[in-house]
Amino acid sequence: MTTELNNALRELGLSPSESELYLLSLASGPVSVPEIATRLKLHRPYVYTLIKSLKEKGLAPETKGYQRTFNVESPNIVLELLRKKRQS
């Protein structure tokens, strides 16, 4: 499933860093930004950029107010977005 999901994320136009963030959050559940930065060995400001990008692509729920953790949509959403992309 991971290989298929990786291929689907790549086909949707995600960068390797965006894919890593998505897969980490999917496996870990809600994760704090500092923890993401540490686990992916990225700078925190860049993690915020990746999160914004995933939200714009419909792969992370839009949040209101101050949020201490980050999570992503289920793989079903990835497959649905991929189907829509292939049909257009």
Protein backbone atom coordinates (compact mmCIF):
# COMPACT_ATOMS: atom_id res chain seq x y z
CA MET A 1 0.00 0.00 0.00
CA THR A 2 2.83 2.42 0.80
CA THR A 3 4.33 2.14 -2.69
CA GLU A 4 0.91 2.67 -4.29
CA LEU A 5 0.26 5.62 -2.01
CA ASN A 6 3.69 7.10 -2.79
CA ASN A 7 2.99 6.77 -6.51
CA ALA A 8 -0.43 8.38 -6.08
CA LEU A 9 1.06 11.29 -4.12
CA ARG A 10 3.72 11.79 -6.78
CA GLU A 11 1.09 11.71 -9.53
CA LEU A 12 -0.88 14.38 -7.65
CA GLY A 13 2.21 16.59 -7.86
CA LEU A 14 3.52 16.37 -4.31
CA SER A 15 7.18 17.01 -3.71
CA PRO A 16 9.23 14.36 -1.89
CA SER A 17 9.09 16.48 1.29
CA GLU A 18 5.31 16.88 1.05
CA SER A 19 4.96 13.12 0.56
CA GLU A 20 7.18 12.41 3.57
CA LEU A 21 5.13 14.78 5.71
CA TYR A 22 1.87 13.20 4.56
CA LEU A 23 3.09 9.65 5.24
CA LEU A 24 4.56 10.58 8.64
CA SER A 25 1.35 12.21 9.77
CA LEU A 26 -0.75 9.35 8.41
CA ALA A 27 1.33 6.80 10.33
CA SER A 28 1.63 8.84 13.52
CA GLY A 29 -1.74 10.54 13.78
CA PRO A 30 -1.84 14.14 15.00
CA VAL A 31 1.76 15.37 15.28
CA SER A 32 3.16 18.69 16.52
CA VAL A 33 5.13 20.85 14.10
CA PRO A 34 8.31 20.68 16.22
CA GLU A 35 8.05 16.88 16.25
CA ILE A 36 7.56 16.81 12.47
CA ALA A 37 10.59 19.06 12.00
CA THR A 38 12.71 16.80 14.18
CA ARG A 39 11.56 13.53 12.65
CA LEU A 40 11.93 14.74 9.06
CA LYS A 41 15.10 16.71 9.82
CA LEU A 42 13.61 19.92 8.38
CA HIS A 43 13.50 23.49 9.64
CA ARG A 44 10.24 24.42 11.33
CA PRO A 45 9.38 27.33 8.95
CA TYR A 46 9.71 24.92 6.00
CA VAL A 47 7.35 22.46 7.73
CA TYR A 48 4.73 25.23 7.93
CA THR A 49 5.18 25.82 4.19
CA LEU A 50 4.66 22.11 3.51
CA ILE A 51 1.54 22.04 5.69
CA LYS A 52 0.10 25.03 3.83
CA SER A 53 0.77 23.28 0.52
CA LEU A 54 -0.94 20.07 1.66
CA LYS A 55 -3.97 22.10 2.79
CA GLU A 56 -4.13 23.86 -0.60
CA LYS A 57 -4.03 20.46 -2.33
CA GLY A 58 -6.90 19.15 -0.20
CA LEU A 59 -4.77 16.61 1.67
CA ALA A 60 -4.96 18.22 5.11
CA PRO A 61 -8.06 19.57 6.82
CA GLU A 62 -8.40 23.32 7.06
CA THR A 63 -8.19 24.42 10.68
CA LYS A 64 -9.48 27.51 12.42
CA GLY A 65 -7.64 29.24 15.23
CA TYR A 66 -4.54 28.04 17.00
CA GLN A 67 -3.72 24.39 16.44
CA ARG A 68 -0.98 22.53 18.27
CA THR A 69 -0.99 19.41 16.08
CA PHE A 70 -1.22 18.58 12.39
CA ASN A 71 -2.97 15.68 10.71
CA VAL A 72 -3.87 14.67 7.16
CA GLU A 73 -6.86 13.34 5.28
CA SER A 74 -7.23 9.58 4.77
CA PRO A 75 -5.72 7.77 1.79
CA ASN A 76 -9.25 7.52 0.39
CA ILE A 77 -9.13 11.27 -0.25
CA VAL A 78 -5.82 10.83 -2.11
CA LEU A 79 -7.40 8.19 -4.34
CA GLU A 80 -10.48 10.35 -4.93
CA LEU A 81 -8.33 13.35 -5.91
CA LEU A 82 -6.29 11.13 -8.21
CA ARG A 83 -9.44 9.81 -9.93
CA LYS A 84 -10.67 13.38 -10.48
CA LYS A 85 -7.28 14.40 -11.91
CA ARG A 86 -7.25 11.47 -14.32
CA GLN A 87 -10.79 12.23 -15.53
CA SER A 88 -10.02 15.86 -16.34
